[in-house]
Structure formats: structure tokens, C-alpha cells
Amino acid sequence: MLSPIGSSRAFHGDGELAVARAAQAKNALQIMSTQASFGVEEVAKARGGPIWFQLYTTNNFAATTALVKRAQAAGCTAVAVTIDTPAGRNTVTSTRLARNDTRNCATCHDDATGDPMRPRAGGGMSTKPMFAGLDTRGLGLTSPSLTWDFIKRLKDITTMKVVLKGLEAAEDAALAVQHGADGIIISNHGGRATETGRGTIECVAEVAQAVKGRVPILVDGGIRRGTDVFKALALGADAVGIGRPHVWGLATFGQQGVERVLDIINNEFRLAMVGCGTTSLKDIAPANIIDTARRG
């Protein structure tokens, strides 16, 4: 799957539309970010089929409801609720590497700033297209006071599947299923929330053990090669997402770049399957990467 990335026009003028067309060409699932540079209607049309909508919960349920209902009306089949940054994040590396040149890139490059939020007359902020028509004064992207009841609240307002994005522990996975989640995306936000925890690949086995096949498990974060995909599936994931790699392709060659990244990873994955003697996805098992007999 193509994991959600906000402000994709910062990397290419066609942004999420190019990603959507690549997803259509390669029959890949696309998850669109709340912070996308285009509205969900445009992205779904470019995809030519259902996409998933990544939801930032906001701190106002009326605004959240409007986002969710708009995504459903556009044909989205699932809402992926990001829960791993409830109180923001301390982006040490980003701050350390921030450029010293304070000139506005947009003076030379179209949309080079990636559609940032800007103050507007009368107060509030002019935000990404998904917030068009909403009163954004005092609106925050996340809420530090979420409880498990949020799953039920979402299910009461939408027929889309509700998937939780950002779980890493077995205990949380079990609670997510218990409270009605339709799926889990193991994710650490690409390491943006914290760089000091475990890699997502290290969490897959314990989450799979807790879920026991009751709902699908997806994983993203640090997936760079087809061998990474193979390992994730072997440990119990049902699907694997890429974030930065597809943006690298987007920035370089637009739609064709995203397609090329998918081709490279899929080919490496196929080679890994052949090397391990697995002729179908269901044949991929822990024994392909772990000496289970030796461990007892």
C-alpha cells in the first residue's frame, strides 16, 4: 500500500494525484492524508477506485464528523485513524537539519512550501483542502484526550471500516480489537513522533499473536526493500506500506517515479519469495526467516 503523506505537492506539482494514478496503474491501495494537497474527491477520481482516508482526529468532533462524512461520500472504504501523536511531537532531527536560508521558496518555485497553513483575514488559519468550509479557529489536528470509545463514536457516523494507525504493542492491539476496530496499522509515523522506540518490524510478531487473525494487520515504517516486505508478511502482517520510498519516486519522476518504486519493491519481493521457495503468499511463514526448530 501507499502510506499517507501530507503536502505531496511539495515534492511534485501533481502531488497525491500522481500517486493515485500510479496506484491505479499498479493496482495498489492508496491511503490519502488529511493533510493532502488536494481534496479527497480529486484524489479518488484520479485513483479511479476506492481509496482509504487517513484521519487526524482533531479536537472537535463536529469537524471530525465533517471530514469523515466527506471521505465516505467520495467513495472511501476505510478510515485510518492516526493515534500515535496525541500531543504533538518533538522533531529533534527536523529541527537540527532545518535550513538557515529563510527566503520563501515560493518566490522561485510554484507551491514549493507544500501548501502551508497561513493566517487569513478575520482570524483562524487557511488550511489544507480537506478543511475547506470548516471553521478552523481553535481547531487542532489531534486530541490528547482520546479514549477507546472513539472507535464507537466513529462507527456511529460512518459505514466505512475503522482502522487504527499507530499501534505497536500487543496489549493495545488486543484492546483495539476488543473495542471494535476493523483493522490495525502498525506504525510509528515514520519515526517522526519518536526515534528512540522499536522499529515497526520488531512489533509485528507480538501484535499478530495478540490479534489472532481476527482483523487484518498492516505495517509501515522503514520498509525500503522487497525483502522487508517478505519479512513483515512472514512475521504476521497481511499487507505492507511504503511512505518515503514512494515520495522519493514522486519527487524524481512524478507518477512514473511512483510506479517505478512499486515495480522495484515488487520485483525484489518476488525474488525473495523464489529464494525461500514460497510459491504463494499463504506459504510465507515465520519459518522462512526464523529457525523455529532451533528455538524450540
Protein backbone atom coordinates (compact mmCIF):
# COMPACT_ATOMS: atom_id res chain seq x y z
CA MET A 1 0.00 0.00 0.00
CA LEU A 2 1.00 3.64 -0.46
CA SER A 3 1.01 5.11 3.02
CA PRO A 4 -0.40 8.58 3.68
CA ILE A 5 1.93 11.52 3.12
CA GLY A 6 0.77 15.10 3.61
CA SER A 7 1.58 18.07 1.38
CA SER A 8 2.74 15.93 -1.53
CA ARG A 9 2.76 18.93 -3.86
CA ALA A 10 5.90 19.97 -2.01
CA PHE A 11 7.59 17.14 -3.92
CA HIS A 12 5.81 17.31 -7.29
CA GLY A 13 3.17 19.57 -8.78
CA ASP A 14 0.70 16.70 -9.25
CA GLY A 15 1.16 15.54 -5.66
CA GLU A 16 -1.38 12.98 -4.50
CA LEU A 17 -3.00 12.89 -7.94
CA ALA A 18 0.17 11.41 -9.44
CA VAL A 19 0.33 8.93 -6.56
CA ALA A 20 -3.30 7.99 -7.20
CA ARG A 21 -2.72 7.39 -10.89
CA ALA A 22 0.31 5.24 -10.07
CA ALA A 23 -1.78 3.29 -7.56
CA GLN A 24 -4.38 2.68 -10.27
CA ALA A 25 -1.74 1.57 -12.79
CA LYS A 26 -0.16 -0.87 -10.33
CA ASN A 27 -3.37 -1.93 -8.53
CA ALA A 28 -2.09 -0.70 -5.18
CA LEU A 29 -4.04 0.57 -2.19
CA GLN A 30 -3.63 4.29 -1.56
CA ILE A 31 -4.24 5.90 1.81
CA MET A 32 -4.75 9.64 1.47
CA SER A 33 -3.67 12.02 4.23
CA THR A 34 -5.93 14.54 5.96
CA GLN A 35 -3.13 16.96 5.15
CA ALA A 36 -3.12 16.18 1.41
CA SER A 37 -2.60 18.97 -1.11
CA PHE A 38 -5.85 18.01 -2.87
CA GLY A 39 -9.37 17.21 -1.73
CA VAL A 40 -10.46 13.61 -1.33
CA GLU A 41 -12.82 13.87 -4.30
CA GLU A 42 -10.00 14.73 -6.70
CA VAL A 43 -7.72 12.01 -5.37
CA ALA A 44 -10.44 9.33 -5.52
CA LYS A 45 -11.26 10.35 -9.09
CA ALA A 46 -7.58 10.13 -10.10
CA ARG A 47 -7.34 6.70 -8.48
CA GLY A 48 -10.38 5.52 -10.42
CA GLY A 49 -11.45 3.35 -7.50
CA PRO A 50 -11.75 3.24 -3.72
CA ILE A 51 -9.04 4.73 -1.53
CA TRP A 52 -8.67 4.88 2.25
CA PHE A 53 -8.73 8.14 4.18
CA GLN A 54 -6.18 8.77 6.94
CA LEU A 55 -7.87 10.77 9.67
CA TYR A 56 -6.34 13.16 12.14
CA THR A 57 -8.88 13.06 14.95
CA THR A 58 -8.88 16.85 15.59
CA ASN A 59 -10.01 18.23 18.93
CA ASN A 60 -13.52 18.98 17.71
CA PHE A 61 -15.81 16.05 16.93
CA ALA A 62 -18.07 18.16 14.71
CA ALA A 63 -15.10 18.90 12.46
CA THR A 64 -14.05 15.25 12.61
CA THR A 65 -17.55 14.20 11.58
CA ALA A 66 -17.46 16.55 8.59
CA LEU A 67 -14.11 15.11 7.44
CA VAL A 68 -15.31 11.53 7.81
CA LYS A 69 -18.62 12.09 6.04
CA ARG A 70 -16.85 13.87 3.18
CA ALA A 71 -14.44 10.96 2.78
CA GLN A 72 -17.29 8.45 2.74
CA ALA A 73 -19.23 10.50 0.19
CA ALA A 74 -16.14 10.45 -2.04
CA GLY A 75 -16.16 6.65 -2.01
CA CYS A 76 -13.51 5.87 0.62
CA THR A 77 -13.97 2.40 2.07
CA ALA A 78 -11.95 2.76 5.27
CA VAL A 79 -10.84 5.47 7.64
CA ALA A 80 -7.35 5.03 9.11
CA VAL A 81 -7.33 6.84 12.43
CA THR A 82 -3.88 8.14 13.37
CA ILE A 83 -3.48 7.83 17.14
CA ASP A 84 0.29 7.90 17.63
CA THR A 85 0.76 11.67 18.02
CA PRO A 86 -1.96 12.70 20.51
CA ALA A 87 0.01 15.64 21.90
CA GLY A 88 2.28 16.52 19.00
CA ARG A 89 5.93 15.58 18.71
CA ASN A 90 9.43 16.83 19.36
CA THR A 91 11.06 16.68 15.93
CA VAL A 92 14.68 16.90 17.02
CA THR A 93 16.23 15.75 13.74
CA SER A 94 13.98 18.00 11.67
CA THR A 95 14.88 20.98 13.82
CA ARG A 96 18.57 20.16 13.71
CA LEU A 97 18.55 19.91 9.93
CA ALA A 98 16.30 22.92 9.29
CA ARG A 99 17.71 25.20 6.63
CA ASN A 100 19.23 28.53 7.60
CA ASP A 101 18.13 30.22 4.39
CA THR A 102 14.90 31.98 5.35
CA ARG A 103 13.91 33.10 1.86
CA ASN A 104 10.48 31.95 0.69
CA CYS A 105 10.95 29.12 -1.83
CA ALA A 106 7.65 30.03 -3.49
CA THR A 107 9.21 33.18 -4.91
CA CYS A 108 11.08 30.93 -7.35
CA HIS A 109 9.16 27.64 -7.27
CA ASP A 110 5.44 27.01 -7.57
CA ASP A 111 3.98 25.66 -4.34
CA ALA A 112 7.45 24.84 -3.05
CA THR A 113 6.28 25.23 0.53
CA GLY A 114 3.80 22.37 0.26
CA ASP A 115 0.60 24.36 0.90
CA PRO A 116 1.47 25.52 4.43
CA MET A 117 -1.16 26.87 6.80
CA ARG A 118 -1.24 30.66 6.55
CA PRO A 119 -3.07 33.30 8.64
CA ARG A 120 -6.19 34.62 6.99
CA ALA A 121 -8.12 37.83 7.38
CA GLY A 122 -10.54 37.70 10.30
CA GLY A 123 -8.53 35.18 12.28
CA GLY A 124 -8.08 31.44 12.06
CA MET A 125 -5.98 29.63 9.51
CA SER A 126 -6.40 28.84 5.83
CA THR A 127 -5.58 25.16 5.77
CA LYS A 128 -5.39 22.14 3.52
CA PRO A 129 -8.25 21.42 1.09
CA MET A 130 -9.89 18.86 3.40
CA PHE A 131 -10.64 21.70 5.84
CA ALA A 132 -12.37 23.87 3.25
CA GLY A 133 -15.64 25.21 4.61
CA LEU A 134 -14.80 24.38 8.22
CA ASP A 135 -14.28 26.91 10.97
CA THR A 136 -10.67 26.19 11.89
CA ARG A 137 -10.34 28.74 14.68
CA GLY A 138 -9.03 26.85 17.70
CA LEU A 139 -9.02 23.60 15.75
CA GLY A 140 -6.16 21.23 16.46
CA LEU A 141 -5.19 18.24 14.34
CA THR A 142 -5.06 15.85 17.29
CA SER A 143 -6.55 15.38 20.72
CA PRO A 144 -4.64 14.16 23.80
CA SER A 145 -7.88 13.08 25.49
CA LEU A 146 -8.97 10.25 23.16
CA THR A 147 -10.34 7.06 24.69
CA TRP A 148 -11.23 3.68 23.19
CA ASP A 149 -14.81 4.96 22.92
CA PHE A 150 -13.67 6.99 19.90
CA ILE A 151 -13.94 3.84 17.77
CA LYS A 152 -17.64 3.51 18.58
CA ARG A 153 -18.23 7.21 18.01
CA LEU A 154 -16.75 6.88 14.52
CA LYS A 155 -18.75 3.76 13.74
CA ASP A 156 -21.91 5.60 14.70
CA ILE A 157 -21.33 8.19 11.97
CA THR A 158 -19.87 6.13 9.11
CA THR A 159 -20.20 2.83 7.32
CA MET A 160 -16.51 2.86 6.43
CA LYS A 161 -14.23 0.36 8.13
CA VAL A 162 -12.41 1.89 11.09
CA VAL A 163 -8.70 1.05 11.19
CA LEU A 164 -6.34 2.26 13.93
CA LYS A 165 -2.98 3.55 12.71
CA GLY A 166 -0.10 3.88 15.13
CA LEU A 167 -0.29 0.86 17.42
CA GLU A 168 2.91 -1.02 18.26
CA ALA A 169 2.16 -3.16 21.34
CA ALA A 170 0.30 -6.44 21.79
CA GLU A 171 -1.77 -5.03 24.64
CA ASP A 172 -3.03 -2.11 22.56
CA ALA A 173 -3.75 -4.39 19.62
CA ALA A 174 -5.89 -6.66 21.78
CA LEU A 175 -7.77 -3.68 23.20
CA ALA A 176 -8.32 -2.26 19.71
CA VAL A 177 -9.99 -5.49 18.57
CA GLN A 178 -11.98 -5.67 21.80
CA HIS A 179 -13.37 -2.19 21.18
CA GLY A 180 -14.39 -2.87 17.59
CA ALA A 181 -11.50 -1.82 15.35
CA ASP A 182 -11.77 -3.40 11.90
CA GLY A 183 -8.01 -3.42 11.35
CA ILE A 184 -4.66 -2.27 12.70
CA ILE A 185 -1.80 -0.43 11.04
CA ILE A 186 1.42 -0.91 12.99
CA SER A 187 3.17 2.41 12.53
CA ASN A 188 5.45 4.86 14.31
CA HIS A 189 4.71 7.71 11.91
CA GLY A 190 7.92 7.03 10.03
CA GLY A 191 9.88 7.68 13.20
CA ARG A 192 8.64 11.28 13.29
CA ALA A 193 6.97 11.05 16.71
CA THR A 194 9.99 9.44 18.32
CA GLU A 195 13.21 7.98 17.01
CA THR A 196 14.04 6.11 20.21
CA GLY A 197 11.45 3.31 20.20
CA ARG A 198 11.39 -0.02 18.41
CA GLY A 199 11.23 -0.31 14.66
CA THR A 200 7.79 -1.36 13.47
CA ILE A 201 9.13 -4.65 12.07
CA GLU A 202 10.05 -5.60 15.64
CA CYS A 203 6.42 -5.22 16.73
CA VAL A 204 4.70 -7.32 14.08
CA ALA A 205 5.00 -10.75 15.70
CA GLU A 206 3.60 -9.74 19.07
CA VAL A 207 0.73 -7.79 17.53
CA ALA A 208 -0.13 -10.75 15.29
CA GLN A 209 -0.11 -13.04 18.30
CA ALA A 210 -2.49 -10.74 20.17
CA VAL A 211 -4.86 -10.24 17.22
CA LYS A 212 -5.04 -13.97 16.38
CA GLY A 213 -6.32 -13.35 12.85
CA ARG A 214 -9.46 -11.54 13.97
CA VAL A 215 -8.71 -8.39 11.93
CA PRO A 216 -6.15 -7.54 9.23
CA ILE A 217 -2.75 -6.26 10.30
CA LEU A 218 -0.91 -3.75 8.12
CA VAL A 219 2.53 -2.31 8.82
CA ASP A 220 4.58 0.62 7.57
CA GLY A 221 7.72 2.44 8.65
CA GLY A 222 11.23 1.68 7.43
CA ILE A 223 10.13 -0.54 4.53
CA ARG A 224 12.78 0.01 1.87
CA ARG A 225 13.26 -3.28 0.03
CA GLY A 226 11.16 -6.18 -1.17
CA THR A 227 12.96 -8.32 1.42
CA ASP A 228 11.47 -6.03 4.11
CA VAL A 229 8.03 -6.81 2.73
CA PHE A 230 8.75 -10.54 2.85
CA LYS A 231 9.92 -10.34 6.48
CA ALA A 232 6.86 -8.36 7.56
CA LEU A 233 4.50 -10.86 5.97
CA ALA A 234 6.44 -13.77 7.45
CA LEU A 235 6.05 -12.28 10.92
CA GLY A 236 2.30 -11.95 10.58
CA ALA A 237 1.39 -8.80 8.64
CA ASP A 238 -1.33 -9.02 5.99
CA ALA A 239 -0.13 -6.01 4.00
CA VAL A 240 2.84 -3.66 3.94
CA GLY A 241 3.02 0.07 3.25
CA ILE A 242 5.69 2.39 1.91
CA GLY A 243 5.84 6.10 2.66
CA ARG A 244 9.16 7.80 1.96
CA PRO A 245 10.09 5.49 -0.96
CA HIS A 246 7.04 6.42 -2.99
CA VAL A 247 7.63 10.12 -2.27
CA TRP A 248 11.22 9.78 -3.47
CA GLY A 249 9.85 8.40 -6.73
CA LEU A 250 7.21 11.13 -6.88
CA ALA A 251 9.79 13.89 -6.38
CA THR A 252 12.02 12.49 -9.10
CA PHE A 253 9.67 11.43 -11.90
CA GLY A 254 6.09 12.07 -10.76
CA GLN A 255 3.63 9.27 -11.49
CA GLN A 256 6.24 7.26 -13.37
CA GLY A 257 8.57 7.53 -10.40
CA VAL A 258 5.97 6.11 -8.02
CA GLU A 259 5.25 3.28 -10.44
CA ARG A 260 8.96 2.53 -10.73
CA VAL A 261 9.35 2.33 -6.95
CA LEU A 262 6.45 -0.13 -6.78
CA ASP A 263 7.99 -2.19 -9.59
CA ILE A 264 11.37 -2.35 -7.85
CA ILE A 265 9.93 -3.38 -4.49
CA ASN A 266 7.55 -5.92 -6.01
CA ASN A 267 10.33 -7.47 -8.07
CA GLU A 268 12.61 -7.73 -5.03
CA PHE A 269 9.72 -9.26 -3.12
CA ARG A 270 9.17 -11.82 -5.88
CA LEU A 271 12.86 -12.71 -5.84
CA ALA A 272 12.73 -13.17 -2.06
CA MET A 273 9.72 -15.50 -2.45
CA VAL A 274 11.54 -17.55 -5.07
CA GLY A 275 14.66 -17.73 -2.94
CA CYS A 276 12.66 -19.03 0.00
CA GLY A 277 10.63 -21.49 -2.06
CA THR A 278 7.29 -19.81 -1.35
CA THR A 279 5.06 -20.06 -4.39
CA SER A 280 2.12 -18.10 -2.93
CA LEU A 281 1.54 -15.51 -0.23
CA LYS A 282 -0.04 -18.05 2.10
CA ASP A 283 3.19 -20.05 2.05
CA ILE A 284 5.15 -17.20 3.64
CA ALA A 285 5.63 -18.13 7.30
CA PRO A 286 7.88 -17.37 10.30
CA ALA A 287 9.96 -20.45 9.49
CA ASN A 288 11.16 -18.69 6.34
CA ILE A 289 13.13 -16.18 8.41
CA ILE A 290 13.36 -17.72 11.91
CA ASP A 291 14.88 -21.06 12.89
CA THR A 292 11.81 -22.17 14.86
CA ALA A 293 13.10 -25.71 15.43
CA ARG A 294 16.27 -24.41 17.00
CA ARG A 295 14.29 -22.13 19.28
CA GLY A 296 12.04 -24.98 20.32
